[in-house]
C-alpha cells in the first residue's frame, strides 16, 4: 500500500522561513572542491572558477568531512555538555568535523518538519524518543544495526534499545540517557506538615496524596503545594508528564492492542476520572493552573515539584541537603512513570553515514554519556556508567529514578507513527481543561483528531 504523507510532515511557510534563517546563520561557508577539465577548473559544488592553464595543475585537498548535527537547545546544562563534547570531538578528529546547529526547543519539531519536506535534513538529528516512529514511517532515518556492535548494544539500557526499535525490528535511534519522572520534595516542608515520606515499596495512594497536598497548603510560605510545571505550556511535557497519571488510574492515550483508535480509552471513564482529579487540584488551590514562574519550588512557594530529571542541578543548588526525590503516587492501578529520552538518529539525506556514525558513536561513549548525565541528572544510557554513578546507587539522591524503571513502572509513549497527532491532541485537551473547559468534551475532541489521523493514513501500515 502506498503511504500518504503524514500530517506530522505538514508545515507552514512561516516554518520554512524560520528554518532558512536559522540554517543560514549556522551553516559554515561551503568548501569548494575542484577538478581539472582541460584548461578550466570547474567547481563541483556551487561556483565555476576559470583559471589560466598552467604546466602543472594539482587537485585541491578535499578537507575534512563536515557532519551537520541538529540539537534542540534544551536546558543550559545539556547545551553546555553537548557543546563541550563537540569541541572535544573536533579537537581529536581531523578527518571529520561537527557543525553543531542549535535550534530553539519550542519550535524544534516544526523546523525538522520543514527540513524533511525540502529534503534538507542534517546528517545527525536529535529528536524526542516517540517521534522516531513517525520519522521511520516517513522514511527519514537510516537503521543503525550495521553500525552497533554486540558489545556496545549489551551495555545500553534495554529501555533505550526498545525506544529506538521499530519497523522490521530494526534499531533507528540511540540516546545518551533515559528519563526520570517523579516528585521532588522539600524535606523540611514534609516534616512541618507531619506527612509520611513515601518509598518505592509504599508510595502514596491517591487519598494519601491528596491529604498530603492539603497539609502542605498550610505550611508557612507555601502558596501552591504542588508545582506541576504548567508554565512549560501546551506541548510535549503535558503528554510526557501527565499521561502516567492517566495510566495509574487505568486510562491511556490510545488502545495499545493495535494502535488503531483512542476511542473508549482516552475518553474512557478512567481517563476522565484522572483529569477530573487533576482539575480538582486546581480548584482546591493545590496547583496553580495559570503558573508562569519556573522557580516556585526552588523559591519555597511549592513543596513538591512534579517534573523530570532535568531540573536536578538547579534544585540541588537551591535546596542542598533539603532536596529529596520521592516516587510517583499510586492512583489505583499501580504507580506509573514517564520514560524515554531525546535521542539521536542518522538521516537518509546524509551523504556520509560512516562519518555520521563516527560522531554518534562518540556521543554514546562512556565519557560523553557521563558528561551529559552529570549535567542533567538523567539516567545514564550505559549500564557501565549507571553502575558506577553513586547518585543512582542505593541511598543516592537519584536512586528512585533507577528503582522506578527497574520495577517496570515506566510506560513508553505510544509506539506508533500517529504519536505526533496523539501528543498534540492530548496537550490541547489538557490545556483547555486547565482553563475550565469540559473534560469529556475535550477528550472526545482529542479522540476524534487522533482517530481521523489514523484513518487518513490507512492505519499506518508498516509494510510498504
Protein backbone atom coordinates (compact mmCIF):
# COMPACT_ATOMS: atom_id res chain seq x y z
CA UNK A 1 0.00 0.00 0.00
CA UNK A 2 1.35 3.38 -0.96
CA UNK A 3 1.67 5.53 2.13
CA UNK A 4 0.22 9.00 2.29
CA UNK A 5 2.07 11.95 3.70
CA UNK A 6 1.59 12.12 7.44
CA UNK A 7 0.01 15.33 8.73
CA UNK A 8 3.04 15.49 11.03
CA UNK A 9 5.09 16.49 7.98
CA UNK A 10 2.77 19.32 7.03
CA UNK A 11 4.18 22.74 7.72
CA UNK A 12 3.60 26.41 7.11
CA UNK A 13 5.50 28.97 5.12
CA UNK A 14 6.46 30.53 8.42
CA UNK A 15 8.20 27.30 9.38
CA UNK A 16 10.22 27.36 6.17
CA UNK A 17 11.30 30.94 6.77
CA UNK A 18 12.32 30.11 10.32
CA UNK A 19 14.33 27.15 9.13
CA UNK A 20 16.02 29.15 6.41
CA UNK A 21 17.07 31.93 8.74
CA UNK A 22 18.47 29.52 11.29
CA UNK A 23 20.33 27.34 8.83
CA UNK A 24 21.88 30.28 7.02
CA UNK A 25 23.17 31.69 10.25
CA UNK A 26 24.63 28.42 11.44
CA UNK A 27 25.99 26.77 8.30
CA UNK A 28 29.70 27.30 7.63
CA UNK A 29 30.98 28.54 4.28
CA UNK A 30 30.95 25.92 1.54
CA UNK A 31 34.28 24.27 0.79
CA UNK A 32 34.83 24.46 -2.95
CA UNK A 33 36.15 21.18 -4.37
CA UNK A 34 37.72 21.30 -7.82
CA UNK A 35 38.63 19.04 -10.68
CA UNK A 36 40.69 19.59 -13.85
CA UNK A 37 38.76 19.73 -17.14
CA UNK A 38 41.21 20.54 -19.96
CA UNK A 39 42.19 24.17 -19.33
CA UNK A 40 39.40 25.06 -16.90
CA UNK A 41 38.97 24.29 -13.22
CA UNK A 42 35.27 23.75 -12.59
CA UNK A 43 33.70 23.68 -9.15
CA UNK A 44 31.71 20.56 -8.37
CA UNK A 45 29.69 22.41 -5.75
CA UNK A 46 28.19 25.84 -6.46
CA UNK A 47 30.55 28.02 -8.46
CA UNK A 48 32.53 27.95 -11.67
CA UNK A 49 36.03 29.35 -11.38
CA UNK A 50 38.10 29.86 -14.53
CA UNK A 51 41.88 29.86 -14.23
CA UNK A 52 44.64 30.27 -16.75
CA UNK A 53 46.16 26.99 -17.98
CA UNK A 54 49.40 26.03 -16.28
CA UNK A 55 52.01 23.41 -16.77
CA UNK A 56 51.01 21.62 -13.58
CA UNK A 57 47.52 21.73 -12.07
CA UNK A 58 47.02 19.82 -8.84
CA UNK A 59 43.69 18.89 -7.30
CA UNK A 60 42.84 20.93 -4.21
CA UNK A 61 42.61 18.92 -1.00
CA UNK A 62 39.07 17.98 -0.11
CA UNK A 63 39.50 18.79 3.55
CA UNK A 64 37.67 17.14 6.44
CA UNK A 65 34.15 15.76 6.17
CA UNK A 66 31.73 18.11 7.90
CA UNK A 67 28.78 16.48 9.65
CA UNK A 68 25.84 18.72 10.46
CA UNK A 69 24.31 17.91 13.85
CA UNK A 70 21.00 19.45 14.94
CA UNK A 71 20.24 19.77 18.64
CA UNK A 72 17.26 21.24 20.47
CA UNK A 73 18.70 23.96 22.67
CA UNK A 74 17.39 22.30 25.86
CA UNK A 75 18.50 23.36 29.31
CA UNK A 76 21.70 25.24 29.99
CA UNK A 77 23.39 22.15 31.38
CA UNK A 78 22.61 20.00 28.36
CA UNK A 79 23.63 22.78 26.00
CA UNK A 80 26.96 23.22 27.76
CA UNK A 81 27.61 19.48 27.94
CA UNK A 82 26.98 18.89 24.23
CA UNK A 83 28.99 21.95 23.25
CA UNK A 84 31.92 20.59 25.25
CA UNK A 85 31.50 17.17 23.61
CA UNK A 86 31.53 18.69 20.13
CA UNK A 87 34.57 20.82 20.90
CA UNK A 88 36.44 17.79 22.19
CA UNK A 89 35.48 15.69 19.17
CA UNK A 90 36.63 18.38 16.74
CA UNK A 91 39.95 18.70 18.57
CA UNK A 92 40.55 14.94 18.48
CA UNK A 93 39.41 14.26 14.91
CA UNK A 94 40.88 15.91 11.86
CA UNK A 95 39.12 13.92 9.14
CA UNK A 96 35.62 14.52 10.47
CA UNK A 97 34.34 17.77 11.97
CA UNK A 98 30.99 18.52 13.59
CA UNK A 99 28.96 21.55 12.63
CA UNK A 100 26.57 21.92 15.58
CA UNK A 101 23.30 23.73 14.86
CA UNK A 102 21.32 24.73 17.95
CA UNK A 103 17.61 25.25 17.30
CA UNK A 104 15.02 26.61 19.77
CA UNK A 105 13.35 23.80 21.69
CA UNK A 106 9.87 25.28 21.36
CA UNK A 107 9.87 25.25 17.56
CA UNK A 108 12.33 22.42 17.03
CA UNK A 109 9.91 19.86 15.60
CA UNK A 110 8.40 22.45 13.25
CA UNK A 111 11.82 23.13 11.79
CA UNK A 112 12.55 19.43 11.43
CA UNK A 113 9.26 19.05 9.56
CA UNK A 114 10.19 21.82 7.14
CA UNK A 115 13.63 20.33 6.56
CA UNK A 116 12.13 16.89 5.98
CA UNK A 117 9.76 18.24 3.35
CA UNK A 118 12.54 20.06 1.50
CA UNK A 119 14.95 17.12 1.97
CA UNK A 120 17.49 19.32 3.70
CA UNK A 121 17.95 17.26 6.84
CA UNK A 122 21.25 17.22 8.73
CA UNK A 123 23.28 14.02 8.95
CA UNK A 124 22.73 13.56 12.69
CA UNK A 125 19.38 14.57 14.12
CA UNK A 126 18.27 14.98 17.73
CA UNK A 127 14.61 14.20 18.46
CA UNK A 128 12.34 13.24 21.34
CA UNK A 129 12.02 9.48 21.65
CA UNK A 130 8.46 8.77 20.50
CA UNK A 131 8.92 10.80 17.31
CA UNK A 132 11.22 8.11 15.94
CA UNK A 133 8.23 6.02 14.83
CA UNK A 134 6.80 8.78 12.64
CA UNK A 135 10.24 9.59 11.24
CA UNK A 136 10.86 5.95 10.35
CA UNK A 137 7.41 5.55 8.82
CA UNK A 138 8.02 8.68 6.72
CA UNK A 139 11.32 7.20 5.51
CA UNK A 140 13.61 9.79 7.09
CA UNK A 141 16.01 7.65 9.16
CA UNK A 142 18.64 5.03 8.45
CA UNK A 143 18.74 1.85 10.57
CA UNK A 144 21.77 1.65 12.85
CA UNK A 145 22.02 -2.14 13.16
CA UNK A 146 25.06 -2.45 10.88
CA UNK A 147 26.93 0.12 12.99
CA UNK A 148 26.15 -1.01 16.55
CA UNK A 149 28.36 -3.86 17.76
CA UNK A 150 27.05 -6.63 20.00
CA UNK A 151 29.24 -5.44 22.89
CA UNK A 152 28.02 -1.85 22.55
CA UNK A 153 24.39 -2.93 22.41
CA UNK A 154 24.80 -5.10 25.50
CA UNK A 155 25.94 -2.07 27.52
CA UNK A 156 22.94 0.08 26.55
CA UNK A 157 19.83 0.09 28.76
CA UNK A 158 17.07 -2.15 27.35
CA UNK A 159 14.63 0.79 27.51
CA UNK A 160 16.84 2.82 25.15
CA UNK A 161 17.06 -0.08 22.70
CA UNK A 162 13.30 -0.63 22.92
CA UNK A 163 12.62 3.07 22.34
CA UNK A 164 14.72 3.12 19.18
CA UNK A 165 13.47 -0.16 17.69
CA UNK A 166 10.59 -0.10 15.26
CA UNK A 167 9.80 -1.30 11.76
CA UNK A 168 11.14 -4.78 10.90
CA UNK A 169 12.64 -4.87 14.41
CA UNK A 170 15.45 -2.55 13.34
CA UNK A 171 17.25 -0.04 15.55
CA UNK A 172 16.89 3.57 14.40
CA UNK A 173 17.98 5.71 17.34
CA UNK A 174 20.19 5.85 20.41
CA UNK A 175 20.02 8.18 23.40
CA UNK A 176 22.65 9.16 25.93
CA UNK A 177 20.14 8.86 28.76
CA UNK A 178 16.73 7.62 29.80
CA UNK A 179 14.41 9.92 31.66
CA UNK A 180 13.25 10.16 35.22
CA UNK A 181 9.82 11.43 36.27
CA UNK A 182 8.91 11.62 39.94
CA UNK A 183 8.29 14.14 42.71
CA UNK A 184 10.99 16.42 44.01
CA UNK A 185 10.21 17.32 47.60
CA UNK A 186 11.22 19.92 50.17
CA UNK A 187 12.08 17.71 53.15
CA UNK A 188 11.57 20.50 55.70
CA UNK A 189 8.06 21.14 54.38
CA UNK A 190 7.14 17.47 54.65
CA UNK A 191 8.40 17.43 58.21
CA UNK A 192 6.48 20.58 59.13
CA UNK A 193 3.31 19.14 57.64
CA UNK A 194 3.79 15.88 59.52
CA UNK A 195 3.39 13.69 56.43
CA UNK A 196 4.94 10.33 55.66
CA UNK A 197 7.85 10.23 53.23
CA UNK A 198 6.84 7.61 50.64
CA UNK A 199 9.07 4.80 49.40
CA UNK A 200 9.21 2.62 46.31
CA UNK A 201 7.68 -0.23 48.29
CA UNK A 202 4.97 2.01 49.73
CA UNK A 203 4.20 5.03 47.53
CA UNK A 204 1.48 7.50 48.40
CA UNK A 205 -2.03 6.34 47.47
CA UNK A 206 -4.47 8.73 45.81
CA UNK A 207 -6.24 9.54 49.08
CA UNK A 208 -2.98 9.93 50.98
CA UNK A 209 -1.50 12.14 48.27
CA UNK A 210 -4.46 14.49 48.43
CA UNK A 211 -4.21 14.59 52.23
CA UNK A 212 -0.53 15.48 51.84
CA UNK A 213 -1.41 18.35 49.47
CA UNK A 214 -3.99 19.67 51.95
CA UNK A 215 -1.47 19.61 54.80
CA UNK A 216 1.31 21.18 52.75
CA UNK A 217 -1.05 24.00 51.83
CA UNK A 218 -0.85 25.11 55.49
CA UNK A 219 2.96 25.32 55.62
CA UNK A 220 4.09 28.96 56.01
CA UNK A 221 5.30 30.45 52.74
CA UNK A 222 3.65 27.81 50.57
CA UNK A 223 1.19 29.22 48.02
CA UNK A 224 0.54 26.19 45.79
CA UNK A 225 1.94 22.98 47.34
CA UNK A 226 2.34 21.12 44.03
CA UNK A 227 4.34 22.58 41.14
CA UNK A 228 3.20 20.67 38.01
CA UNK A 229 5.23 22.80 35.56
CA UNK A 230 2.12 24.24 33.97
CA UNK A 231 4.45 27.05 32.89
CA UNK A 232 6.01 24.72 30.34
CA UNK A 233 2.93 25.42 28.24
CA UNK A 234 0.95 23.37 25.76
CA UNK A 235 3.45 20.90 24.37
CA UNK A 236 5.21 17.58 24.82
CA UNK A 237 5.64 17.90 28.57
CA UNK A 238 1.87 17.86 29.10
CA UNK A 239 1.80 14.41 27.48
CA UNK A 240 5.04 13.07 28.94
CA UNK A 241 4.29 14.34 32.44
CA UNK A 242 0.57 13.79 32.83
CA UNK A 243 -0.19 10.64 30.82
CA UNK A 244 1.38 8.47 33.58
CA UNK A 245 -1.37 9.80 35.86
CA UNK A 246 -3.98 8.58 33.38
CA UNK A 247 -2.24 5.21 33.25
CA UNK A 248 -2.09 4.95 37.04
CA UNK A 249 -5.88 5.48 37.06
CA UNK A 250 -6.23 2.75 34.42
CA UNK A 251 -6.64 5.03 31.40
CA UNK A 252 -4.31 5.72 28.49
CA UNK A 253 -3.76 7.78 25.35
CA UNK A 254 -4.75 5.06 22.86
CA UNK A 255 -5.75 1.40 22.67
CA UNK A 256 -2.33 -0.26 22.58
CA UNK A 257 -3.63 -3.63 21.37
CA UNK A 258 -3.43 -2.43 17.77
CA UNK A 259 -2.91 1.37 17.93
CA UNK A 260 -5.90 1.94 15.67
CA UNK A 261 -8.16 4.01 17.93
CA UNK A 262 -8.20 6.14 21.10
CA UNK A 263 -11.96 5.84 21.50
CA UNK A 264 -13.05 4.33 24.80
CA UNK A 265 -9.53 4.76 26.20
CA UNK A 266 -8.50 8.40 26.12
CA UNK A 267 -12.13 9.41 26.63
CA UNK A 268 -12.98 6.39 28.79
CA UNK A 269 -14.10 6.59 32.44
CA UNK A 270 -10.60 6.02 33.88
CA UNK A 271 -9.04 8.86 31.87
CA UNK A 272 -11.96 11.14 32.68
CA UNK A 273 -11.52 10.35 36.39
CA UNK A 274 -7.81 11.11 36.18
CA UNK A 275 -8.33 14.52 34.64
CA UNK A 276 -11.24 15.26 36.96
CA UNK A 277 -8.87 14.63 39.87
CA UNK A 278 -6.19 16.91 38.43
CA UNK A 279 -8.83 19.59 37.82
CA UNK A 280 -9.83 19.32 41.48
CA UNK A 281 -6.25 20.12 42.45
CA UNK A 282 -6.57 23.38 40.54
CA UNK A 283 -9.93 24.13 42.14
CA UNK A 284 -8.65 23.48 45.69
CA UNK A 285 -5.60 25.68 45.25
CA UNK A 286 -3.09 22.83 45.35
CA UNK A 287 -1.80 23.60 41.83
CA UNK A 288 -1.64 26.94 40.04
CA UNK A 289 -3.42 26.47 36.67
CA UNK A 290 -2.03 29.81 35.50
CA UNK A 291 1.57 29.18 36.61
CA UNK A 292 4.16 31.28 34.80
CA UNK A 293 7.15 31.02 37.15
CA UNK A 294 9.66 28.19 36.83
CA UNK A 295 11.13 28.76 40.29
CA UNK A 296 8.19 28.21 42.65
CA UNK A 297 9.69 25.04 44.12
CA UNK A 298 13.22 26.39 44.31
CA UNK A 299 11.89 29.54 45.99
CA UNK A 300 9.94 27.56 48.62
CA UNK A 301 6.49 28.57 47.32
CA UNK A 302 5.77 24.93 46.46
CA UNK A 303 6.64 21.84 48.49
CA UNK A 304 6.51 19.26 45.71
CA UNK A 305 7.58 19.50 42.09
CA UNK A 306 6.10 17.03 39.64
CA UNK A 307 8.76 17.05 36.92
CA UNK A 308 11.68 15.18 35.42
CA UNK A 309 15.37 14.75 35.96
CA UNK A 310 16.49 17.86 34.08
CA UNK A 311 15.74 20.22 36.99
CA UNK A 312 18.04 18.34 39.37
CA UNK A 313 21.12 20.61 39.07
CA UNK A 314 19.11 23.79 39.73
CA UNK A 315 17.05 22.22 42.52
CA UNK A 316 20.12 20.84 44.24
CA UNK A 317 21.77 24.24 44.10
CA UNK A 318 18.67 25.88 45.60
CA UNK A 319 17.79 23.35 48.33
CA UNK A 320 21.00 21.44 49.02
CA UNK A 321 20.51 18.63 51.56
CA UNK A 322 16.88 19.66 51.95
CA UNK A 323 16.12 18.25 48.49
CA UNK A 324 14.77 14.70 48.26
CA UNK A 325 13.26 12.64 45.46
CA UNK A 326 10.14 10.58 46.16
CA UNK A 327 8.34 8.09 43.89
CA UNK A 328 5.24 8.61 41.80
CA UNK A 329 1.94 8.08 43.67
CA UNK A 330 -0.24 5.04 43.02
CA UNK A 331 -3.64 6.33 41.90
CA UNK A 332 -5.21 2.89 41.94
CA UNK A 333 -3.75 0.78 39.14
CA UNK A 334 -0.12 0.86 40.18
CA UNK A 335 2.35 3.73 40.16
CA UNK A 336 3.48 4.75 36.68
CA UNK A 337 6.26 6.97 35.42
CA UNK A 338 7.29 8.52 32.14
CA UNK A 339 10.26 7.16 30.26
CA UNK A 340 12.14 7.78 27.04
CA UNK A 341 14.61 10.45 26.12
CA UNK A 342 15.79 12.80 23.46
CA UNK A 343 17.97 10.68 21.23
CA UNK A 344 19.99 10.62 18.03
CA UNK A 345 19.49 9.20 14.57
CA UNK A 346 21.18 9.35 11.17
CA UNK A 347 19.02 10.69 8.37
CA UNK A 348 18.68 9.26 4.86
CA UNK A 349 19.76 12.63 3.48
CA UNK A 350 23.24 12.09 4.92
CA UNK A 351 25.88 11.73 2.20
CA UNK A 352 28.42 10.15 4.55
CA UNK A 353 26.70 7.86 7.08
CA UNK A 354 30.01 6.28 8.12
CA UNK A 355 31.29 9.67 9.29
CA UNK A 356 27.92 10.38 10.90
CA UNK A 357 28.20 7.13 12.84
CA UNK A 358 31.68 8.15 13.99
CA UNK A 359 30.02 11.20 15.55
CA UNK A 360 27.11 9.29 17.06
CA UNK A 361 29.37 6.59 18.46
CA UNK A 362 31.44 9.31 20.14
CA UNK A 363 28.29 10.79 21.69
CA UNK A 364 27.48 7.33 23.07
CA UNK A 365 30.93 6.78 24.59
CA UNK A 366 31.12 6.33 28.36
CA UNK A 367 32.92 9.62 28.90
CA UNK A 368 30.37 11.66 26.95
CA UNK A 369 27.36 9.88 28.45
CA UNK A 370 28.84 10.62 31.85
CA UNK A 371 29.35 14.27 30.91
CA UNK A 372 25.75 14.72 29.76
CA UNK A 373 24.10 12.92 32.69
CA UNK A 374 26.26 14.79 35.18
CA UNK A 375 24.80 17.97 33.69
CA UNK A 376 21.12 16.99 33.59
CA UNK A 377 20.70 14.31 36.28
CA UNK A 378 19.21 11.83 33.80
CA UNK A 379 19.54 8.05 33.99
CA UNK A 380 22.72 7.15 32.06
CA UNK A 381 22.00 5.04 28.99
CA UNK A 382 25.08 2.88 29.52
CA UNK A 383 24.95 0.24 32.23
CA UNK A 384 28.68 0.67 32.84
CA UNK A 385 28.18 4.37 33.60
CA UNK A 386 25.00 3.84 35.62
CA UNK A 387 26.54 1.20 37.87
CA UNK A 388 29.48 3.48 38.68
CA UNK A 389 27.33 6.55 39.45
CA UNK A 390 26.94 6.99 43.23
CA UNK A 391 23.87 9.20 42.71
CA UNK A 392 21.97 6.14 41.46
CA UNK A 393 23.34 3.65 43.98
CA UNK A 394 21.24 2.63 46.98
CA UNK A 395 20.90 5.71 49.17
CA UNK A 396 21.86 8.03 46.30
CA UNK A 397 19.70 11.07 45.66
CA UNK A 398 18.62 9.81 42.20
CA UNK A 399 18.13 6.16 43.16
CA UNK A 400 14.33 6.50 42.93
CA UNK A 401 14.58 7.02 39.16
CA UNK A 402 16.54 3.79 38.78
CA UNK A 403 14.19 1.83 41.06
CA UNK A 404 11.07 3.03 39.23
CA UNK A 405 12.43 1.87 35.87
CA UNK A 406 13.85 -1.32 37.36
CA UNK A 407 10.44 -2.22 38.80
CA UNK A 408 8.71 -1.72 35.47
CA UNK A 409 6.82 1.45 36.35
CA UNK A 410 7.90 3.13 33.14
CA UNK A 411 5.26 3.36 30.40
CA UNK A 412 6.56 4.26 26.92
CA UNK A 413 4.65 6.84 25.00
CA UNK A 414 2.56 5.17 22.26
CA UNK A 415 4.73 3.28 19.79
CA UNK A 416 3.00 4.45 16.63
CA UNK A 417 3.63 6.91 13.78
CA UNK A 418 0.44 8.61 14.95
CA UNK A 419 2.23 9.83 18.09
CA UNK A 420 2.74 13.44 16.94
CA UNK A 421 -1.03 13.75 16.49
CA UNK A 422 -1.69 11.97 19.80
CA UNK A 423 0.53 14.30 21.79
CA UNK A 424 -0.74 17.43 20.05
CA UNK A 425 -4.37 16.43 20.66
CA UNK A 426 -3.84 15.48 24.31
CA UNK A 427 -1.81 18.60 25.10
CA UNK A 428 -4.52 20.79 23.58
CA UNK A 429 -7.22 18.97 25.56
CA UNK A 430 -5.29 19.30 28.82
CA UNK A 431 -4.61 22.97 28.18
CA UNK A 432 -8.29 23.66 27.57
CA UNK A 433 -9.32 21.63 30.64
CA UNK A 434 -7.00 23.54 32.95
CA UNK A 435 -8.58 26.72 31.58
CA UNK A 436 -12.06 25.49 32.53
CA UNK A 437 -13.32 23.52 29.50
CA UNK A 438 -15.50 20.43 29.89
CA UNK A 439 -13.33 17.36 30.45
CA UNK A 440 -15.34 14.78 28.48
CA UNK A 441 -15.92 17.13 25.56
CA UNK A 442 -12.22 17.92 25.28
CA UNK A 443 -11.21 14.26 25.43
CA UNK A 444 -13.83 13.41 22.79
CA UNK A 445 -12.34 16.07 20.51
CA UNK A 446 -8.86 14.68 21.09
CA UNK A 447 -10.06 11.17 20.25
CA UNK A 448 -11.64 12.39 17.01
CA UNK A 449 -8.42 14.14 15.95
CA UNK A 450 -6.37 11.01 16.68
CA UNK A 451 -8.74 8.56 15.04
CA UNK A 452 -9.18 10.77 11.97
CA UNK A 453 -5.42 10.95 11.56
CA UNK A 454 -5.07 7.17 11.76
CA UNK A 455 -7.83 6.65 9.19
CA UNK A 456 -6.36 9.27 6.85
CA UNK A 457 -3.07 7.38 6.92
CA UNK A 458 -4.61 3.98 6.29
CA UNK A 459 -3.90 2.80 9.82
CA UNK A 460 -0.18 3.49 9.36
CA UNK A 461 0.67 0.12 7.79
CA UNK A 462 4.27 -0.87 8.40
CA UNK A 463 4.75 -2.96 5.28
CA UNK A 464 5.41 -0.57 2.43
